[in-house]
Amino acid sequence: MIEAKDFVKELMKNNLGPLIEVPCSLLSPIINFMLEKGIPLETPANEAIGMGLAAGHYLATGKIPVVMMQNSG
């Protein structure tokens, strides 16, 4: 499995963002790494809001957002 720091490094290298995460304990290594490094992270209340934020950001800026959410249940 890829390390959190390596995953986030690739996101930053490719100028992706904003980073949007829907609360999920399975993502905690990535989320904790971002928080420790002071990387901006948006945390909406649910998946629909997260996708809306991502779509709006893309339409406004043309920059590709990253939405992280669970697929475990």
C-alpha atoms as a PDB file:
ATOM      1  CA  MET A   1       0.000   0.000   0.000  1.00  0.00           C
ATOM      2  CA  ILE A   2       1.262   3.490  -0.807  1.00  0.00           C
ATOM      3  CA  GLU A   3       2.401   5.648   2.107  1.00  0.00           C
ATOM      4  CA  ALA A   4       0.320   8.727   2.921  1.00  0.00           C
ATOM      5  CA  LYS A   5       3.267  11.085   2.368  1.00  0.00           C
ATOM      6  CA  ASP A   6       3.940   9.616  -1.084  1.00  0.00           C
ATOM      7  CA  PHE A   7       0.271   9.892  -2.074  1.00  0.00           C
ATOM      8  CA  VAL A   8       0.002  13.511  -0.965  1.00  0.00           C
ATOM      9  CA  LYS A   9       3.349  14.343  -2.598  1.00  0.00           C
ATOM     10  CA  GLU A  10       1.979  13.160  -5.962  1.00  0.00           C
ATOM     11  CA  LEU A  11      -1.180  15.236  -5.528  1.00  0.00           C
ATOM     12  CA  MET A  12       0.897  18.345  -4.848  1.00  0.00           C
ATOM     13  CA  LYS A  13       3.366  17.586  -7.661  1.00  0.00           C
ATOM     14  CA  ASN A  14       0.478  17.432 -10.133  1.00  0.00           C
ATOM     15  CA  ASN A  15      -1.103  20.651  -8.788  1.00  0.00           C
ATOM     16  CA  LEU A  16      -4.352  18.921  -7.834  1.00  0.00           C
ATOM     17  CA  GLY A  17      -6.738  20.444  -5.346  1.00  0.00           C
ATOM     18  CA  PRO A  18      -8.501  21.554  -3.332  1.00  0.00           C
ATOM     19  CA  LEU A  19      -8.359  18.439  -1.227  1.00  0.00           C
ATOM     20  CA  ILE A  20     -11.810  17.528   0.022  1.00  0.00           C
ATOM     21  CA  GLU A  21     -12.389  14.645   2.416  1.00  0.00           C
ATOM     22  CA  VAL A  22     -15.664  13.218   3.612  1.00  0.00           C
ATOM     23  CA  PRO A  23     -15.092  11.949   7.179  1.00  0.00           C
ATOM     24  CA  CYS A  24     -13.922   8.318   7.141  1.00  0.00           C
ATOM     25  CA  SER A  25     -11.662   6.472   9.565  1.00  0.00           C
ATOM     26  CA  LEU A  26     -10.097   4.498   6.712  1.00  0.00           C
ATOM     27  CA  LEU A  27      -8.572   7.716   5.369  1.00  0.00           C
ATOM     28  CA  SER A  28      -7.066   8.719   8.715  1.00  0.00           C
ATOM     29  CA  PRO A  29      -3.383   8.159   7.716  1.00  0.00           C
ATOM     30  CA  ILE A  30      -3.746  10.532   4.749  1.00  0.00           C
ATOM     31  CA  ILE A  31      -5.855  13.059   6.656  1.00  0.00           C
ATOM     32  CA  ASN A  32      -3.527  13.058   9.668  1.00  0.00           C
ATOM     33  CA  PHE A  33      -0.498  13.575   7.420  1.00  0.00           C
ATOM     34  CA  MET A  34      -2.146  16.552   5.727  1.00  0.00           C
ATOM     35  CA  LEU A  35      -3.122  18.088   9.059  1.00  0.00           C
ATOM     36  CA  GLU A  36       0.404  17.604  10.458  1.00  0.00           C
ATOM     37  CA  LYS A  37       1.924  19.326   7.416  1.00  0.00           C
ATOM     38  CA  GLY A  38      -0.618  22.169   7.380  1.00  0.00           C
ATOM     39  CA  ILE A  39      -1.982  21.204   3.972  1.00  0.00           C
ATOM     40  CA  PRO A  40      -5.412  22.824   3.455  1.00  0.00           C
ATOM     41  CA  LEU A  41      -8.208  20.279   3.668  1.00  0.00           C
ATOM     42  CA  GLU A  42     -11.926  20.839   3.301  1.00  0.00           C
ATOM     43  CA  THR A  43     -14.252  18.589   5.302  1.00  0.00           C
ATOM     44  CA  PRO A  44     -17.898  18.721   4.198  1.00  0.00           C
ATOM     45  CA  ALA A  45     -20.657  16.975   6.152  1.00  0.00           C
ATOM     46  CA  ASN A  46     -21.446  14.396   3.465  1.00  0.00           C
ATOM     47  CA  GLU A  47     -20.578  13.069   0.016  1.00  0.00           C
ATOM     48  CA  ALA A  48     -23.103  15.218  -1.860  1.00  0.00           C
ATOM     49  CA  ILE A  49     -21.704  18.432  -0.401  1.00  0.00           C
ATOM     50  CA  GLY A  50     -18.157  17.255  -1.143  1.00  0.00           C
ATOM     51  CA  MET A  51     -18.976  16.623  -4.784  1.00  0.00           C
ATOM     52  CA  GLY A  52     -20.763  19.970  -5.016  1.00  0.00           C
ATOM     53  CA  LEU A  53     -17.705  21.761  -3.624  1.00  0.00           C
ATOM     54  CA  ALA A  54     -15.469  19.938  -6.084  1.00  0.00           C
ATOM     55  CA  ALA A  55     -17.691  20.690  -9.073  1.00  0.00           C
ATOM     56  CA  GLY A  56     -18.020  24.342  -8.147  1.00  0.00           C
ATOM     57  CA  HIS A  57     -14.294  24.732  -7.635  1.00  0.00           C
ATOM     58  CA  TYR A  58     -13.532  23.130 -10.988  1.00  0.00           C
ATOM     59  CA  LEU A  59     -16.064  25.306 -12.806  1.00  0.00           C
ATOM     60  CA  ALA A  60     -14.688  28.446 -11.149  1.00  0.00           C
ATOM     61  CA  THR A  61     -10.965  27.735 -11.540  1.00  0.00           C
ATOM     62  CA  GLY A  62     -10.428  24.879 -14.014  1.00  0.00           C
ATOM     63  CA  LYS A  63      -8.200  23.207 -11.402  1.00  0.00           C
ATOM     64  CA  ILE A  64      -8.888  19.513 -10.800  1.00  0.00           C
ATOM     65  CA  PRO A  65     -10.104  18.868  -7.233  1.00  0.00           C
ATOM     66  CA  VAL A  66      -9.522  15.715  -5.211  1.00  0.00           C
ATOM     67  CA  VAL A  67     -12.445  14.206  -3.302  1.00  0.00           C
ATOM     68  CA  MET A  68     -11.632  11.455  -0.838  1.00  0.00           C
ATOM     69  CA  MET A  69     -14.494   9.391   0.550  1.00  0.00           C
ATOM     70  CA  GLN A  70     -15.151   5.916   1.850  1.00  0.00           C
ATOM     71  CA  ASN A  71     -16.275   3.001  -0.239  1.00  0.00           C
ATOM     72  CA  SER A  72     -16.517   0.573   2.649  1.00  0.00           C
ATOM     73  CA  GLY A  73     -20.172   0.722   3.405  1.00  0.00           C
END
